[in-house]
C-alpha cells in the first residue's frame, strides 16, 4: 500500500474531495480490497484475528493487521483486549459500521446480478 505524501498535489486533491463530498469521503473510508471483506465477515459478530484470517481467503497476516489498524483508526471496528493469559483480542463492527448492512446487501445483490450477466 502506497502512502501519499502530505505535500503532494494528489494528497491535496484527495483531501479537498473528501472534505467537500460525503460520498467520496465514505468511499475513501471503505476503499481497498479488504475493507468490505472484513466488514462482511464481522457482520456475523465478534471474531478473533485467527478467525478473521481463516474467513478471508488470500489475505496475509500483515495485510489483515494493517487493515484492522486502519479500520480501528477510522472507527469502523472496535478492538477489545481481554486481560487474560494468553491475551485474547476480539474485533467487532461499530454501530455506525452496522448501518452499512443494507448497503452491503444491495452491493451483494448487484454483484450477483452482474456476475450472471457476465457469465
Protein backbone atom coordinates (compact mmCIF):
# COMPACT_ATOMS: atom_id res chain seq x y z
CA UNK A 1 0.00 0.00 0.00
CA UNK A 2 1.45 3.34 -1.05
CA UNK A 3 1.27 6.21 1.38
CA UNK A 4 0.61 9.57 -0.22
CA UNK A 5 2.95 12.32 0.88
CA UNK A 6 1.05 15.11 2.56
CA UNK A 7 2.87 17.65 0.40
CA UNK A 8 1.87 16.07 -2.92
CA UNK A 9 -0.73 17.52 -5.27
CA UNK A 10 -2.52 14.16 -5.23
CA UNK A 11 -2.86 14.36 -1.45
CA UNK A 12 -4.23 17.90 -1.64
CA UNK A 13 -6.75 16.91 -4.34
CA UNK A 14 -7.90 13.86 -2.38
CA UNK A 15 -8.15 15.89 0.83
CA UNK A 16 -10.21 18.55 -0.94
CA UNK A 17 -12.59 16.00 -2.47
CA UNK A 18 -13.17 14.12 0.78
CA UNK A 19 -13.85 17.36 2.63
CA UNK A 20 -16.49 18.62 0.20
CA UNK A 21 -18.25 15.42 -0.86
CA UNK A 22 -19.66 12.94 1.67
CA UNK A 23 -19.91 10.13 -0.92
CA UNK A 24 -16.22 10.41 -1.73
CA UNK A 25 -15.42 10.60 1.99
CA UNK A 26 -17.37 7.38 2.59
CA UNK A 27 -15.84 5.52 -0.33
CA UNK A 28 -12.38 6.65 0.76
CA UNK A 29 -13.01 5.05 4.20
CA UNK A 30 -14.22 1.82 2.61
CA UNK A 31 -11.79 1.66 -0.30
CA UNK A 32 -9.26 -1.08 -0.58
CA UNK A 33 -9.56 -4.72 -1.45
CA UNK A 34 -10.09 -5.98 2.08
CA UNK A 35 -12.19 -3.42 3.99
CA UNK A 36 -15.58 -4.62 2.76
CA UNK A 37 -14.48 -8.24 3.03
CA UNK A 38 -13.65 -7.68 6.70
CA UNK A 39 -17.00 -5.91 7.22
CA UNK A 40 -18.87 -8.82 5.60
CA UNK A 41 -17.14 -11.33 7.89
CA UNK A 42 -17.60 -9.23 11.03
CA UNK A 43 -21.27 -8.79 10.21
CA UNK A 44 -21.71 -12.22 11.85
CA UNK A 45 -20.35 -10.93 15.16
CA UNK A 46 -17.14 -10.61 17.17
CA UNK A 47 -14.12 -12.50 15.89
CA UNK A 48 -10.53 -13.09 16.86
CA UNK A 49 -7.63 -12.45 14.48
CA UNK A 50 -7.20 -16.12 13.57
CA UNK A 51 -10.91 -16.50 12.82
CA UNK A 52 -10.83 -13.45 10.58
CA UNK A 53 -7.75 -14.76 8.76
CA UNK A 54 -9.43 -18.13 8.12
CA UNK A 55 -12.63 -16.43 6.92
CA UNK A 56 -10.93 -14.23 4.30
CA UNK A 57 -9.16 -16.34 1.67
CA UNK A 58 -5.99 -14.84 0.28
CA UNK A 59 -5.35 -12.18 2.90
CA UNK A 60 -1.93 -12.25 4.52
CA UNK A 61 -1.43 -11.72 8.25
CA UNK A 62 0.42 -8.49 7.55
CA UNK A 63 -2.36 -7.12 5.32
CA UNK A 64 -5.04 -8.13 7.82
CA UNK A 65 -3.11 -6.39 10.60
CA UNK A 66 -2.73 -3.21 8.52
CA UNK A 67 -6.39 -3.20 7.51
CA UNK A 68 -7.62 -3.79 11.06
CA UNK A 69 -5.45 -0.93 12.33
CA UNK A 70 -6.75 1.39 9.61
CA UNK A 71 -10.35 0.38 10.27
CA UNK A 72 -9.92 0.85 14.02
CA UNK A 73 -8.39 4.30 13.49
CA UNK A 74 -11.37 5.20 11.29
CA UNK A 75 -13.82 3.90 13.96
CA UNK A 76 -15.15 1.22 11.61
CA UNK A 77 -14.29 -1.57 14.04
CA UNK A 78 -13.70 -1.90 17.75
CA UNK A 79 -10.76 -3.87 19.13
CA UNK A 80 -11.16 -5.33 22.61
CA UNK A 81 -8.22 -6.78 24.52
CA UNK A 82 -9.09 -9.04 27.45
CA UNK A 83 -6.75 -9.26 30.44
CA UNK A 84 -6.14 -12.98 30.16
CA UNK A 85 -3.10 -15.16 29.72
CA UNK A 86 -2.57 -15.53 26.84
CA UNK A 87 -4.26 -12.23 25.91
CA UNK A 88 -7.47 -12.52 23.93
CA UNK A 89 -8.28 -9.86 21.33
CA UNK A 90 -11.63 -9.58 19.59
CA UNK A 91 -12.75 -7.37 16.73
CA UNK A 92 -16.29 -6.22 16.03
CA UNK A 93 -18.07 -3.70 13.88
CA UNK A 94 -19.04 -0.40 15.46
CA UNK A 95 -22.65 0.79 15.49
CA UNK A 96 -22.04 3.22 12.63
CA UNK A 97 -20.48 0.46 10.54
CA UNK A 98 -23.53 -1.74 11.14
CA UNK A 99 -25.50 0.98 9.37
CA UNK A 100 -23.75 -0.24 6.20
CA UNK A 101 -25.51 -3.64 6.42
CA UNK A 102 -28.35 -2.77 3.98
CA UNK A 103 -25.88 -1.14 1.59
CA UNK A 104 -23.64 -4.22 1.65
CA UNK A 105 -26.67 -6.44 0.98
CA UNK A 106 -27.55 -4.26 -2.03
CA UNK A 107 -23.95 -4.49 -3.28
CA UNK A 108 -24.15 -8.27 -2.92
CA UNK A 109 -27.39 -8.42 -4.93
CA UNK A 110 -25.90 -6.15 -7.59
CA UNK A 111 -22.72 -8.27 -7.70
CA UNK A 112 -24.70 -11.48 -8.16
CA UNK A 113 -26.78 -9.91 -10.94
CA UNK A 114 -23.69 -8.52 -12.69
CA UNK A 115 -21.80 -11.82 -12.37
CA UNK A 116 -24.71 -13.70 -14.02
CA UNK A 117 -24.83 -11.11 -16.80
CA UNK A 118 -21.10 -11.52 -17.45
CA UNK A 119 -21.13 -15.32 -17.24
